[in-house]
Amino acid sequence: MTTLPARPIPATIAAVVRDGHVLLVRRANPPDENCWAFPGGKIDAGECIEAATARELLEETGVVAEPLHVFDAVDVFDRDDAGALRRHFILIAVLCRWQSGEPVAGDDARDARWIPLADLEGHELATSFGVARLARKAAALTAALDSGSSSGSGLNSGSDSASDSGSDSGSDC
């Protein structure tokens, strides 16, 4: 019998939108093996969310991007064939601005490429749950940033952590 982790596993996903396309990888491992998803992975102990996002993005795609800010979080439940919970992930979605590189599959990815946002609306592309919704949200945030309308909209280029609100979190980030 498999023992569940005592707590959910924190992981990050990088949402990179460029020229009407979103960067996705085809997953090589469960959960959602062979499905298209955002590049990302587990956050190492002592690693900031933004650093984990940039590291995982580079490892899985060869793309360099600037992590801008957290914009969503998603629960992912990995279940066995009988439906029993194996692992519970909390995926922290980070909006990123592309800087350099073109996608090449690496690490845990079978494929990596820029997918037209319009292709996410059809059923031709097998995606992990919630990819289309998060991609639309990331595209809208990217458009707002690119148009310069981020002032007053709550968008910033840092985390929304406790250290931003003035409390002493002891953060190294």
C-alpha atoms as a PDB file:
ATOM      1  CA  MET A   1       0.000   0.000   0.000  1.00  0.00           C
ATOM      2  CA  THR A   2       1.309   3.437  -0.963  1.00  0.00           C
ATOM      3  CA  THR A   3       1.617   6.008   1.800  1.00  0.00           C
ATOM      4  CA  LEU A   4       0.396   9.477   0.885  1.00  0.00           C
ATOM      5  CA  PRO A   5       2.596  12.483   1.538  1.00  0.00           C
ATOM      6  CA  ALA A   6       1.520  14.260   4.728  1.00  0.00           C
ATOM      7  CA  ARG A   7       0.883  17.451   2.764  1.00  0.00           C
ATOM      8  CA  PRO A   8       0.315  18.570  -0.830  1.00  0.00           C
ATOM      9  CA  ILE A   9       3.407  18.994  -2.988  1.00  0.00           C
ATOM     10  CA  PRO A  10       4.098  22.595  -4.079  1.00  0.00           C
ATOM     11  CA  ALA A  11       5.059  23.021  -7.708  1.00  0.00           C
ATOM     12  CA  THR A  12       5.217  25.870 -10.165  1.00  0.00           C
ATOM     13  CA  ILE A  13       4.038  26.298 -13.746  1.00  0.00           C
ATOM     14  CA  ALA A  14       5.323  28.923 -16.169  1.00  0.00           C
ATOM     15  CA  ALA A  15       2.773  30.738 -18.333  1.00  0.00           C
ATOM     16  CA  VAL A  16       4.643  32.328 -21.229  1.00  0.00           C
ATOM     17  CA  VAL A  17       2.581  34.024 -23.958  1.00  0.00           C
ATOM     18  CA  ARG A  18       4.180  35.472 -27.091  1.00  0.00           C
ATOM     19  CA  ASP A  19       2.604  36.664 -30.348  1.00  0.00           C
ATOM     20  CA  GLY A  20      -0.737  34.936 -29.750  1.00  0.00           C
ATOM     21  CA  HIS A  21       0.908  31.650 -28.766  1.00  0.00           C
ATOM     22  CA  VAL A  22       1.415  29.973 -25.392  1.00  0.00           C
ATOM     23  CA  LEU A  23       4.418  27.811 -24.548  1.00  0.00           C
ATOM     24  CA  LEU A  24       3.361  24.255 -23.658  1.00  0.00           C
ATOM     25  CA  VAL A  25       5.077  20.911 -23.165  1.00  0.00           C
ATOM     26  CA  ARG A  26       3.750  17.414 -23.788  1.00  0.00           C
ATOM     27  CA  ARG A  27       4.252  15.651 -20.473  1.00  0.00           C
ATOM     28  CA  ALA A  28       6.426  12.544 -20.394  1.00  0.00           C
ATOM     29  CA  ASN A  29       5.318  11.397 -16.915  1.00  0.00           C
ATOM     30  CA  PRO A  30       2.164  11.098 -14.798  1.00  0.00           C
ATOM     31  CA  PRO A  31       0.030  12.844 -13.889  1.00  0.00           C
ATOM     32  CA  ASP A  32      -1.369  13.710 -17.318  1.00  0.00           C
ATOM     33  CA  GLU A  33       1.267  11.803 -19.287  1.00  0.00           C
ATOM     34  CA  ASN A  34       1.119  12.725 -23.020  1.00  0.00           C
ATOM     35  CA  CYS A  35      -1.103  15.728 -22.347  1.00  0.00           C
ATOM     36  CA  TRP A  36      -0.064  19.273 -23.195  1.00  0.00           C
ATOM     37  CA  ALA A  37       0.568  21.406 -20.132  1.00  0.00           C
ATOM     38  CA  PHE A  38       2.549  24.383 -18.920  1.00  0.00           C
ATOM     39  CA  PRO A  39       6.215  23.715 -18.230  1.00  0.00           C
ATOM     40  CA  GLY A  40       6.939  23.439 -14.543  1.00  0.00           C
ATOM     41  CA  GLY A  41       7.763  21.209 -11.640  1.00  0.00           C
ATOM     42  CA  LYS A  42       8.388  20.830  -7.945  1.00  0.00           C
ATOM     43  CA  ILE A  43       9.803  23.663  -5.897  1.00  0.00           C
ATOM     44  CA  ASP A  44      13.008  22.672  -4.111  1.00  0.00           C
ATOM     45  CA  ALA A  45      13.374  23.377  -0.380  1.00  0.00           C
ATOM     46  CA  GLY A  46      14.724  26.896   0.083  1.00  0.00           C
ATOM     47  CA  GLU A  47      13.933  27.849  -3.528  1.00  0.00           C
ATOM     48  CA  CYS A  48      11.783  30.905  -4.288  1.00  0.00           C
ATOM     49  CA  ILE A  49       8.712  30.438  -6.479  1.00  0.00           C
ATOM     50  CA  GLU A  50      10.160  32.700  -9.174  1.00  0.00           C
ATOM     51  CA  ALA A  51      13.528  30.868  -9.187  1.00  0.00           C
ATOM     52  CA  ALA A  52      11.785  27.477  -9.419  1.00  0.00           C
ATOM     53  CA  THR A  53       9.668  28.750 -12.301  1.00  0.00           C
ATOM     54  CA  ALA A  54      12.662  30.004 -14.286  1.00  0.00           C
ATOM     55  CA  ARG A  55      14.664  26.822 -13.549  1.00  0.00           C
ATOM     56  CA  GLU A  56      11.878  24.420 -14.548  1.00  0.00           C
ATOM     57  CA  LEU A  57      11.089  26.427 -17.681  1.00  0.00           C
ATOM     58  CA  LEU A  58      14.712  26.304 -18.807  1.00  0.00           C
ATOM     59  CA  GLU A  59      15.100  22.589 -17.957  1.00  0.00           C
ATOM     60  CA  GLU A  60      11.943  21.543 -19.804  1.00  0.00           C
ATOM     61  CA  THR A  61      12.083  23.861 -22.819  1.00  0.00           C
ATOM     62  CA  GLY A  62      15.430  25.653 -23.118  1.00  0.00           C
ATOM     63  CA  VAL A  63      13.487  28.942 -23.010  1.00  0.00           C
ATOM     64  CA  VAL A  64      14.588  31.818 -20.775  1.00  0.00           C
ATOM     65  CA  ALA A  65      11.828  34.033 -19.379  1.00  0.00           C
ATOM     66  CA  GLU A  66      11.445  36.563 -16.604  1.00  0.00           C
ATOM     67  CA  PRO A  67       8.974  35.461 -13.917  1.00  0.00           C
ATOM     68  CA  LEU A  68       6.693  38.460 -13.308  1.00  0.00           C
ATOM     69  CA  HIS A  69       4.143  37.384 -10.706  1.00  0.00           C
ATOM     70  CA  VAL A  70       1.904  34.639  -9.393  1.00  0.00           C
ATOM     71  CA  PHE A  71      -1.544  34.850 -10.972  1.00  0.00           C
ATOM     72  CA  ASP A  72      -3.324  31.637  -9.986  1.00  0.00           C
ATOM     73  CA  ALA A  73      -3.039  28.325  -8.142  1.00  0.00           C
ATOM     74  CA  VAL A  74      -4.527  24.976  -9.123  1.00  0.00           C
ATOM     75  CA  ASP A  75      -5.024  21.691  -7.272  1.00  0.00           C
ATOM     76  CA  VAL A  76      -4.005  18.553  -9.195  1.00  0.00           C
ATOM     77  CA  PHE A  77      -4.901  15.141  -7.829  1.00  0.00           C
ATOM     78  CA  ASP A  78      -2.886  12.184  -9.122  1.00  0.00           C
ATOM     79  CA  ARG A  79      -5.004   9.044  -8.767  1.00  0.00           C
ATOM     80  CA  ASP A  80      -4.308   5.394  -9.493  1.00  0.00           C
ATOM     81  CA  ASP A  81      -6.508   3.241 -11.774  1.00  0.00           C
ATOM     82  CA  ALA A  82      -8.844   2.477  -8.865  1.00  0.00           C
ATOM     83  CA  GLY A  83      -9.285   6.181  -8.117  1.00  0.00           C
ATOM     84  CA  ALA A  84      -7.216   6.228  -4.931  1.00  0.00           C
ATOM     85  CA  LEU A  85      -5.218   9.401  -4.351  1.00  0.00           C
ATOM     86  CA  ARG A  86      -1.476   8.935  -4.902  1.00  0.00           C
ATOM     87  CA  ARG A  87      -0.334  12.551  -4.724  1.00  0.00           C
ATOM     88  CA  HIS A  88      -1.829  16.005  -4.382  1.00  0.00           C
ATOM     89  CA  PHE A  89       0.009  18.858  -6.099  1.00  0.00           C
ATOM     90  CA  ILE A  90      -0.619  22.574  -5.704  1.00  0.00           C
ATOM     91  CA  LEU A  91       0.486  24.199  -8.955  1.00  0.00           C
ATOM     92  CA  ILE A  92       1.382  27.858  -8.599  1.00  0.00           C
ATOM     93  CA  ALA A  93       0.902  29.638 -11.931  1.00  0.00           C
ATOM     94  CA  VAL A  94       3.489  32.323 -12.652  1.00  0.00           C
ATOM     95  CA  LEU A  95       3.174  34.784 -15.510  1.00  0.00           C
ATOM     96  CA  CYS A  96       6.495  35.040 -17.347  1.00  0.00           C
ATOM     97  CA  ARG A  97       7.860  37.331 -20.045  1.00  0.00           C
ATOM     98  CA  TRP A  98       9.812  35.544 -22.805  1.00  0.00           C
ATOM     99  CA  GLN A  99      13.421  36.692 -23.094  1.00  0.00           C
ATOM    100  CA  SER A 100      15.233  34.216 -25.341  1.00  0.00           C
ATOM    101  CA  GLY A 101      15.318  30.730 -26.797  1.00  0.00           C
ATOM    102  CA  GLU A 102      12.996  28.557 -28.793  1.00  0.00           C
ATOM    103  CA  PRO A 103      11.380  25.483 -27.252  1.00  0.00           C
ATOM    104  CA  VAL A 104      13.216  22.167 -27.328  1.00  0.00           C
ATOM    105  CA  ALA A 105      11.882  19.306 -25.211  1.00  0.00           C
ATOM    106  CA  GLY A 106      14.081  18.418 -22.267  1.00  0.00           C
ATOM    107  CA  ASP A 107      13.889  16.944 -18.772  1.00  0.00           C
ATOM    108  CA  ASP A 108      10.275  15.734 -18.217  1.00  0.00           C
ATOM    109  CA  ALA A 109       8.899  16.857 -21.602  1.00  0.00           C
ATOM    110  CA  ARG A 110       8.246  14.733 -24.702  1.00  0.00           C
ATOM    111  CA  ASP A 111       7.707  17.819 -26.836  1.00  0.00           C
ATOM    112  CA  ALA A 112       7.745  21.577 -26.360  1.00  0.00           C
ATOM    113  CA  ARG A 113       6.309  24.202 -28.668  1.00  0.00           C
ATOM    114  CA  TRP A 114       4.449  27.460 -29.080  1.00  0.00           C
ATOM    115  CA  ILE A 115       0.743  26.594 -29.418  1.00  0.00           C
ATOM    116  CA  PRO A 116      -1.669  29.127 -30.931  1.00  0.00           C
ATOM    117  CA  LEU A 117      -4.104  30.246 -28.227  1.00  0.00           C
ATOM    118  CA  ALA A 118      -6.995  29.557 -30.639  1.00  0.00           C
ATOM    119  CA  ASP A 119      -5.997  25.860 -30.806  1.00  0.00           C
ATOM    120  CA  LEU A 120      -6.738  25.444 -27.105  1.00  0.00           C
ATOM    121  CA  GLU A 121     -10.447  25.968 -27.687  1.00  0.00           C
ATOM    122  CA  GLY A 122     -10.875  22.852 -29.841  1.00  0.00           C
ATOM    123  CA  HIS A 123     -10.584  19.245 -28.795  1.00  0.00           C
ATOM    124  CA  GLU A 124      -7.801  18.338 -31.237  1.00  0.00           C
ATOM    125  CA  LEU A 125      -5.153  19.064 -28.613  1.00  0.00           C
ATOM    126  CA  ALA A 126      -5.213  16.878 -25.475  1.00  0.00           C
ATOM    127  CA  THR A 127      -4.419  19.235 -22.612  1.00  0.00           C
ATOM    128  CA  SER A 128      -4.205  18.912 -18.866  1.00  0.00           C
ATOM    129  CA  PHE A 129      -7.251  20.174 -17.004  1.00  0.00           C
ATOM    130  CA  GLY A 130      -7.456  23.966 -16.858  1.00  0.00           C
ATOM    131  CA  VAL A 131      -4.754  24.752 -19.434  1.00  0.00           C
ATOM    132  CA  ALA A 132      -7.059  26.699 -21.756  1.00  0.00           C
ATOM    133  CA  ARG A 133      -8.474  28.802 -18.895  1.00  0.00           C
ATOM    134  CA  LEU A 134      -5.044  29.616 -17.482  1.00  0.00           C
ATOM    135  CA  ALA A 135      -3.669  30.376 -20.957  1.00  0.00           C
ATOM    136  CA  ARG A 136      -6.509  32.846 -21.622  1.00  0.00           C
ATOM    137  CA  LYS A 137      -5.908  34.483 -18.246  1.00  0.00           C
ATOM    138  CA  ALA A 138      -2.140  34.699 -18.903  1.00  0.00           C
ATOM    139  CA  ALA A 139      -2.770  36.151 -22.378  1.00  0.00           C
ATOM    140  CA  ALA A 140      -5.045  38.851 -20.939  1.00  0.00           C
ATOM    141  CA  LEU A 141      -2.486  39.734 -18.258  1.00  0.00           C
ATOM    142  CA  THR A 142       0.319  39.818 -20.845  1.00  0.00           C
ATOM    143  CA  ALA A 143      -1.741  42.086 -23.103  1.00  0.00           C
ATOM    144  CA  ALA A 144      -2.410  44.417 -20.158  1.00  0.00           C
ATOM    145  CA  LEU A 145       1.301  44.553 -19.331  1.00  0.00           C
ATOM    146  CA  ASP A 146       2.297  45.089 -22.961  1.00  0.00           C
ATOM    147  CA  SER A 147      -0.186  47.925 -23.383  1.00  0.00           C
ATOM    148  CA  GLY A 148       1.174  49.665 -20.299  1.00  0.00           C
ATOM    149  CA  SER A 149      -2.186  49.514 -18.567  1.00  0.00           C
ATOM    150  CA  SER A 150      -0.852  47.627 -15.558  1.00  0.00           C
ATOM    151  CA  SER A 151      -0.708  50.728 -13.359  1.00  0.00           C
ATOM    152  CA  GLY A 152      -3.508  50.546 -10.870  1.00  0.00           C
ATOM    153  CA  SER A 153      -4.556  47.073 -11.996  1.00  0.00           C
ATOM    154  CA  GLY A 154      -2.818  45.172  -9.224  1.00  0.00           C
ATOM    155  CA  LEU A 155      -0.139  43.831 -11.560  1.00  0.00           C
ATOM    156  CA  ASN A 156       3.430  44.042 -10.399  1.00  0.00           C
ATOM    157  CA  SER A 157       6.750  42.498 -11.240  1.00  0.00           C
ATOM    158  CA  GLY A 158       7.271  40.817  -7.901  1.00  0.00           C
ATOM    159  CA  SER A 159       5.542  38.305  -5.730  1.00  0.00           C
ATOM    160  CA  ASP A 160       2.515  39.118  -3.645  1.00  0.00           C
ATOM    161  CA  SER A 161       4.175  37.548  -0.609  1.00  0.00           C
ATOM    162  CA  ALA A 162       3.948  38.680   2.984  1.00  0.00           C
ATOM    163  CA  SER A 163       7.265  40.470   2.599  1.00  0.00           C
ATOM    164  CA  ASP A 164       5.657  42.801   0.051  1.00  0.00           C
ATOM    165  CA  SER A 165       3.070  43.881   2.597  1.00  0.00           C
ATOM    166  CA  GLY A 166       5.688  44.977   5.096  1.00  0.00           C
ATOM    167  CA  SER A 167       5.738  41.978   7.420  1.00  0.00           C
ATOM    168  CA  ASP A 168       9.034  40.267   8.128  1.00  0.00           C
ATOM    169  CA  SER A 169       8.705  36.822   6.558  1.00  0.00           C
ATOM    170  CA  GLY A 170      12.416  36.040   6.667  1.00  0.00           C
ATOM    171  CA  SER A 171      12.289  35.530   2.903  1.00  0.00           C
ATOM    172  CA  ASP A 172      15.482  35.268   0.874  1.00  0.00           C
ATOM    173  CA  CYS A 173      13.567  36.006  -2.317  1.00  0.00           C
END
